[in-house]
C-alpha cells in the first residue's frame, strides 16, 4: 500500500503547473553572468525554456524562433533563459551561431532540469518544456513538446507590469495583435 502512494507522490510532485510556484534557482550562463529567478521576476516575466540538445533540428528551430521574436519579448518586459544539459562550450557555440540575444544556461548535471522534473528517463537530457514565470514565481503558462518550439504562446502569456508607470503607454506602440488594443478600449 505504501509503495503505490510513494510512486503517486513522486509523479504528482512533478512538473510545475499553471498557478503553482516555480522552483527558484541561481545559475550562470555561458558568459559567466549569474541569474536568480526570484530576482528576475521582479523586473518582468521570465520565459524558462528547456531544450534537449544544441545543434539539433527542433532545438535550432525553437531557439531561432525566440531569437527572431526577441523584440516582442522585450516589449512585454520579458526575459529568456534557455536551459540545456549541454556543456557551457557547446552552448556558447550554439548561442553564437544563432546570434541569440538572451542567456543560454548549461545544466550538465541536470540540477534545474530535475527541479522542474523535465528530465528524460535514464538520460541526463531535458525534455522540451517552456515555463512562463511571473511575479512571486507563479507559473503563468506551460508548453511542452512541439508546442514549445513556437514562442508565440509564451510571449502572449507574459503580463504587462502593473507597477511600471511608463509601461501602459508603451505597450500599444509595438506589433501588438489588434485584439489587445480593442479589448483595452472596451
C-alpha atoms as a PDB file:
ATOM      1  CA  UNK A   1       0.000   0.000   0.000  1.00  0.00           C
ATOM      2  CA  UNK A   2       2.797   2.430   0.860  1.00  0.00           C
ATOM      3  CA  UNK A   3       4.771   1.844  -2.366  1.00  0.00           C
ATOM      4  CA  UNK A   4       1.912   2.910  -4.719  1.00  0.00           C
ATOM      5  CA  UNK A   5       1.457   6.061  -2.599  1.00  0.00           C
ATOM      6  CA  UNK A   6       5.154   6.870  -2.876  1.00  0.00           C
ATOM      7  CA  UNK A   7       5.078   6.381  -6.639  1.00  0.00           C
ATOM      8  CA  UNK A   8       1.980   8.601  -6.958  1.00  0.00           C
ATOM      9  CA  UNK A   9       3.656  11.185  -4.721  1.00  0.00           C
ATOM     10  CA  UNK A  10       6.751  11.244  -6.912  1.00  0.00           C
ATOM     11  CA  UNK A  11       4.702  11.596 -10.091  1.00  0.00           C
ATOM     12  CA  UNK A  12       2.283  14.187  -8.718  1.00  0.00           C
ATOM     13  CA  UNK A  13       5.057  16.355  -7.218  1.00  0.00           C
ATOM     14  CA  UNK A  14       6.288  16.743 -10.740  1.00  0.00           C
ATOM     15  CA  UNK A  15       6.291  19.414 -13.390  1.00  0.00           C
ATOM     16  CA  UNK A  16       5.156  22.830 -12.128  1.00  0.00           C
ATOM     17  CA  UNK A  17       1.681  23.669 -13.404  1.00  0.00           C
ATOM     18  CA  UNK A  18      -0.082  26.975 -14.083  1.00  0.00           C
ATOM     19  CA  UNK A  19      -0.767  28.750 -10.783  1.00  0.00           C
ATOM     20  CA  UNK A  20       1.933  26.889  -8.873  1.00  0.00           C
ATOM     21  CA  UNK A  21       5.207  28.378  -7.664  1.00  0.00           C
ATOM     22  CA  UNK A  22       8.171  27.660  -9.924  1.00  0.00           C
ATOM     23  CA  UNK A  23      11.303  26.282  -8.254  1.00  0.00           C
ATOM     24  CA  UNK A  24      13.829  29.035  -7.593  1.00  0.00           C
ATOM     25  CA  UNK A  25      17.373  28.771  -8.884  1.00  0.00           C
ATOM     26  CA  UNK A  26      20.617  30.689  -9.207  1.00  0.00           C
ATOM     27  CA  UNK A  27      22.605  29.791 -12.318  1.00  0.00           C
ATOM     28  CA  UNK A  28      25.431  31.061 -14.521  1.00  0.00           C
ATOM     29  CA  UNK A  29      25.125  31.481 -18.268  1.00  0.00           C
ATOM     30  CA  UNK A  30      27.750  30.645 -20.892  1.00  0.00           C
ATOM     31  CA  UNK A  31      29.371  34.054 -20.363  1.00  0.00           C
ATOM     32  CA  UNK A  32      29.579  33.737 -16.578  1.00  0.00           C
ATOM     33  CA  UNK A  33      26.672  36.076 -15.701  1.00  0.00           C
ATOM     34  CA  UNK A  34      24.548  34.970 -12.729  1.00  0.00           C
ATOM     35  CA  UNK A  35      20.743  34.752 -12.815  1.00  0.00           C
ATOM     36  CA  UNK A  36      18.394  34.157  -9.871  1.00  0.00           C
ATOM     37  CA  UNK A  37      14.777  33.502 -10.852  1.00  0.00           C
ATOM     38  CA  UNK A  38      13.258  35.131  -7.740  1.00  0.00           C
ATOM     39  CA  UNK A  39      15.155  38.358  -8.556  1.00  0.00           C
ATOM     40  CA  UNK A  40      14.452  38.269 -12.300  1.00  0.00           C
ATOM     41  CA  UNK A  41      10.668  38.081 -11.890  1.00  0.00           C
ATOM     42  CA  UNK A  42      10.751  41.418 -10.055  1.00  0.00           C
ATOM     43  CA  UNK A  43      11.756  43.032 -13.378  1.00  0.00           C
ATOM     44  CA  UNK A  44       9.256  41.178 -15.572  1.00  0.00           C
ATOM     45  CA  UNK A  45       8.129  37.735 -16.675  1.00  0.00           C
ATOM     46  CA  UNK A  46      10.768  35.087 -17.296  1.00  0.00           C
ATOM     47  CA  UNK A  47      10.483  32.511 -20.061  1.00  0.00           C
ATOM     48  CA  UNK A  48      12.353  29.434 -18.861  1.00  0.00           C
ATOM     49  CA  UNK A  49      12.904  27.317 -21.975  1.00  0.00           C
ATOM     50  CA  UNK A  50      14.314  23.815 -21.571  1.00  0.00           C
ATOM     51  CA  UNK A  51      15.584  22.164 -24.759  1.00  0.00           C
ATOM     52  CA  UNK A  52      17.187  18.739 -25.299  1.00  0.00           C
ATOM     53  CA  UNK A  53      20.341  19.270 -27.386  1.00  0.00           C
ATOM     54  CA  UNK A  54      22.159  22.123 -29.087  1.00  0.00           C
ATOM     55  CA  UNK A  55      22.510  21.991 -32.877  1.00  0.00           C
ATOM     56  CA  UNK A  56      19.614  19.549 -33.386  1.00  0.00           C
ATOM     57  CA  UNK A  57      16.724  20.343 -35.738  1.00  0.00           C
ATOM     58  CA  UNK A  58      13.905  21.045 -33.273  1.00  0.00           C
ATOM     59  CA  UNK A  59      16.133  22.921 -30.831  1.00  0.00           C
ATOM     60  CA  UNK A  60      17.581  25.063 -33.612  1.00  0.00           C
ATOM     61  CA  UNK A  61      14.042  25.928 -34.826  1.00  0.00           C
ATOM     62  CA  UNK A  62      12.891  26.719 -31.283  1.00  0.00           C
ATOM     63  CA  UNK A  63      15.796  28.978 -30.324  1.00  0.00           C
ATOM     64  CA  UNK A  64      15.885  30.656 -33.742  1.00  0.00           C
ATOM     65  CA  UNK A  65      12.195  31.499 -33.236  1.00  0.00           C
ATOM     66  CA  UNK A  66      12.973  33.016 -29.821  1.00  0.00           C
ATOM     67  CA  UNK A  67      15.835  34.990 -31.367  1.00  0.00           C
ATOM     68  CA  UNK A  68      13.591  36.257 -34.186  1.00  0.00           C
ATOM     69  CA  UNK A  69      10.807  37.222 -31.738  1.00  0.00           C
ATOM     70  CA  UNK A  70      13.056  38.722 -29.056  1.00  0.00           C
ATOM     71  CA  UNK A  71      11.848  42.293 -29.713  1.00  0.00           C
ATOM     72  CA  UNK A  72       8.285  41.092 -28.987  1.00  0.00           C
ATOM     73  CA  UNK A  73       9.531  39.565 -25.726  1.00  0.00           C
ATOM     74  CA  UNK A  74      11.255  42.809 -24.754  1.00  0.00           C
ATOM     75  CA  UNK A  75       8.043  44.766 -25.426  1.00  0.00           C
ATOM     76  CA  UNK A  76       6.331  42.847 -22.639  1.00  0.00           C
ATOM     77  CA  UNK A  77       9.421  43.241 -20.420  1.00  0.00           C
ATOM     78  CA  UNK A  78      10.097  39.520 -20.802  1.00  0.00           C
ATOM     79  CA  UNK A  79      13.384  37.757 -20.216  1.00  0.00           C
ATOM     80  CA  UNK A  80      14.521  34.417 -21.635  1.00  0.00           C
ATOM     81  CA  UNK A  81      16.704  31.753 -20.084  1.00  0.00           C
ATOM     82  CA  UNK A  82      17.440  28.822 -22.421  1.00  0.00           C
ATOM     83  CA  UNK A  83      18.444  25.689 -20.471  1.00  0.00           C
ATOM     84  CA  UNK A  84      20.117  22.559 -21.770  1.00  0.00           C
ATOM     85  CA  UNK A  85      22.160  19.785 -20.223  1.00  0.00           C
ATOM     86  CA  UNK A  86      24.852  20.504 -22.826  1.00  0.00           C
ATOM     87  CA  UNK A  87      28.175  21.802 -21.511  1.00  0.00           C
ATOM     88  CA  UNK A  88      28.998  25.520 -21.466  1.00  0.00           C
ATOM     89  CA  UNK A  89      31.318  25.389 -24.501  1.00  0.00           C
ATOM     90  CA  UNK A  90      28.707  23.702 -26.697  1.00  0.00           C
ATOM     91  CA  UNK A  91      26.001  26.141 -25.611  1.00  0.00           C
ATOM     92  CA  UNK A  92      28.301  29.130 -26.165  1.00  0.00           C
ATOM     93  CA  UNK A  93      28.910  27.974 -29.768  1.00  0.00           C
ATOM     94  CA  UNK A  94      25.169  27.388 -30.281  1.00  0.00           C
ATOM     95  CA  UNK A  95      24.263  30.827 -28.893  1.00  0.00           C
ATOM     96  CA  UNK A  96      26.885  32.478 -31.100  1.00  0.00           C
ATOM     97  CA  UNK A  97      25.732  30.615 -34.218  1.00  0.00           C
ATOM     98  CA  UNK A  98      22.114  31.667 -33.609  1.00  0.00           C
ATOM     99  CA  UNK A  99      23.142  35.234 -32.644  1.00  0.00           C
ATOM    100  CA  UNK A 100      20.765  34.832 -29.702  1.00  0.00           C
ATOM    101  CA  UNK A 101      20.380  37.954 -27.524  1.00  0.00           C
ATOM    102  CA  UNK A 102      19.396  36.015 -24.399  1.00  0.00           C
ATOM    103  CA  UNK A 103      21.145  33.783 -21.864  1.00  0.00           C
ATOM    104  CA  UNK A 104      21.965  30.137 -22.520  1.00  0.00           C
ATOM    105  CA  UNK A 105      22.299  28.188 -19.286  1.00  0.00           C
ATOM    106  CA  UNK A 106      24.347  24.978 -19.152  1.00  0.00           C
ATOM    107  CA  UNK A 107      22.924  22.435 -16.712  1.00  0.00           C
ATOM    108  CA  UNK A 108      25.151  19.391 -17.384  1.00  0.00           C
ATOM    109  CA  UNK A 109      24.344  17.814 -14.014  1.00  0.00           C
ATOM    110  CA  UNK A 110      20.617  18.341 -14.616  1.00  0.00           C
ATOM    111  CA  UNK A 111      20.002  20.118 -11.292  1.00  0.00           C
ATOM    112  CA  UNK A 112      17.492  22.677 -12.613  1.00  0.00           C
ATOM    113  CA  UNK A 113      16.141  20.193 -15.159  1.00  0.00           C
ATOM    114  CA  UNK A 114      15.419  17.824 -12.257  1.00  0.00           C
ATOM    115  CA  UNK A 115      13.938  20.590 -10.077  1.00  0.00           C
ATOM    116  CA  UNK A 116      11.383  21.240 -12.840  1.00  0.00           C
ATOM    117  CA  UNK A 117      11.008  17.482 -13.412  1.00  0.00           C
ATOM    118  CA  UNK A 118      11.632  17.786 -17.144  1.00  0.00           C
ATOM    119  CA  UNK A 119      14.492  15.259 -17.295  1.00  0.00           C
ATOM    120  CA  UNK A 120      14.166  12.405 -19.747  1.00  0.00           C
ATOM    121  CA  UNK A 121      14.104   8.975 -18.107  1.00  0.00           C
ATOM    122  CA  UNK A 122      17.566   7.387 -17.717  1.00  0.00           C
ATOM    123  CA  UNK A 123      19.428  10.111 -19.694  1.00  0.00           C
ATOM    124  CA  UNK A 124      20.549  13.449 -18.289  1.00  0.00           C
ATOM    125  CA  UNK A 125      18.810  15.311 -21.103  1.00  0.00           C
ATOM    126  CA  UNK A 126      15.884  17.670 -20.708  1.00  0.00           C
ATOM    127  CA  UNK A 127      12.545  17.299 -22.395  1.00  0.00           C
ATOM    128  CA  UNK A 128      11.332  20.297 -24.412  1.00  0.00           C
ATOM    129  CA  UNK A 129       9.339  22.456 -21.973  1.00  0.00           C
ATOM    130  CA  UNK A 130       8.717  26.174 -21.665  1.00  0.00           C
ATOM    131  CA  UNK A 131       7.504  27.859 -18.488  1.00  0.00           C
ATOM    132  CA  UNK A 132       6.413  31.482 -18.299  1.00  0.00           C
ATOM    133  CA  UNK A 133       7.067  32.621 -14.744  1.00  0.00           C
ATOM    134  CA  UNK A 134       5.558  35.836 -13.389  1.00  0.00           C
ATOM    135  CA  UNK A 135       5.564  37.785 -10.142  1.00  0.00           C
ATOM    136  CA  UNK A 136       6.198  35.749  -6.991  1.00  0.00           C
ATOM    137  CA  UNK A 137       7.463  32.933  -9.266  1.00  0.00           C
ATOM    138  CA  UNK A 138       3.901  31.958 -10.230  1.00  0.00           C
ATOM    139  CA  UNK A 139       3.756  29.768 -13.330  1.00  0.00           C
ATOM    140  CA  UNK A 140       1.616  31.561 -15.922  1.00  0.00           C
ATOM    141  CA  UNK A 141       1.935  29.111 -18.833  1.00  0.00           C
ATOM    142  CA  UNK A 142       3.456  25.733 -19.609  1.00  0.00           C
ATOM    143  CA  UNK A 143       4.178  24.463 -23.131  1.00  0.00           C
ATOM    144  CA  UNK A 144       5.740  21.134 -23.988  1.00  0.00           C
ATOM    145  CA  UNK A 145       6.976  19.209 -26.989  1.00  0.00           C
ATOM    146  CA  UNK A 146       6.085  20.715 -30.372  1.00  0.00           C
ATOM    147  CA  UNK A 147       4.063  23.486 -28.702  1.00  0.00           C
ATOM    148  CA  UNK A 148       7.253  24.720 -27.004  1.00  0.00           C
ATOM    149  CA  UNK A 149       9.037  25.272 -30.344  1.00  0.00           C
ATOM    150  CA  UNK A 150       6.855  28.282 -31.195  1.00  0.00           C
ATOM    151  CA  UNK A 151       7.340  31.170 -28.727  1.00  0.00           C
ATOM    152  CA  UNK A 152       4.003  32.835 -29.529  1.00  0.00           C
ATOM    153  CA  UNK A 153       2.097  31.300 -26.602  1.00  0.00           C
ATOM    154  CA  UNK A 154       4.869  32.181 -24.169  1.00  0.00           C
ATOM    155  CA  UNK A 155       5.012  35.771 -25.404  1.00  0.00           C
ATOM    156  CA  UNK A 156       1.234  36.209 -25.169  1.00  0.00           C
ATOM    157  CA  UNK A 157       1.308  34.813 -21.611  1.00  0.00           C
ATOM    158  CA  UNK A 158       3.767  37.499 -20.447  1.00  0.00           C
ATOM    159  CA  UNK A 159       1.786  40.048 -18.439  1.00  0.00           C
ATOM    160  CA  UNK A 160       2.484  43.741 -18.581  1.00  0.00           C
ATOM    161  CA  UNK A 161       3.901  45.063 -15.316  1.00  0.00           C
ATOM    162  CA  UNK A 162       1.281  46.729 -13.127  1.00  0.00           C
ATOM    163  CA  UNK A 163       3.837  48.781 -11.228  1.00  0.00           C
ATOM    164  CA  UNK A 164       5.627  50.245 -14.266  1.00  0.00           C
ATOM    165  CA  UNK A 165       4.163  53.733 -14.787  1.00  0.00           C
ATOM    166  CA  UNK A 166       5.504  54.066 -18.330  1.00  0.00           C
ATOM    167  CA  UNK A 167       4.566  50.551 -19.398  1.00  0.00           C
ATOM    168  CA  UNK A 168       0.854  51.020 -20.252  1.00  0.00           C
ATOM    169  CA  UNK A 169       1.684  53.891 -22.616  1.00  0.00           C
ATOM    170  CA  UNK A 170       4.489  51.920 -24.247  1.00  0.00           C
ATOM    171  CA  UNK A 171       2.580  48.672 -24.790  1.00  0.00           C
ATOM    172  CA  UNK A 172       0.387  49.687 -27.771  1.00  0.00           C
ATOM    173  CA  UNK A 173       3.374  51.085 -29.717  1.00  0.00           C
ATOM    174  CA  UNK A 174       4.672  47.677 -30.805  1.00  0.00           C
ATOM    175  CA  UNK A 175       3.376  44.916 -33.024  1.00  0.00           C
ATOM    176  CA  UNK A 176       0.578  44.117 -30.623  1.00  0.00           C
ATOM    177  CA  UNK A 177      -2.191  41.989 -32.140  1.00  0.00           C
ATOM    178  CA  UNK A 178      -5.347  44.046 -32.815  1.00  0.00           C
ATOM    179  CA  UNK A 179      -7.305  42.080 -30.220  1.00  0.00           C
ATOM    180  CA  UNK A 180      -5.370  43.578 -27.303  1.00  0.00           C
ATOM    181  CA  UNK A 181      -5.905  47.304 -28.071  1.00  0.00           C
ATOM    182  CA  UNK A 182      -9.595  46.700 -28.848  1.00  0.00           C
ATOM    183  CA  UNK A 183     -10.043  44.810 -25.581  1.00  0.00           C
ATOM    184  CA  UNK A 184      -8.360  47.616 -23.651  1.00  0.00           C
ATOM    185  CA  UNK A 185     -10.671  50.283 -25.094  1.00  0.00           C
ATOM    186  CA  UNK A 186     -13.941  48.469 -24.376  1.00  0.00           C
END
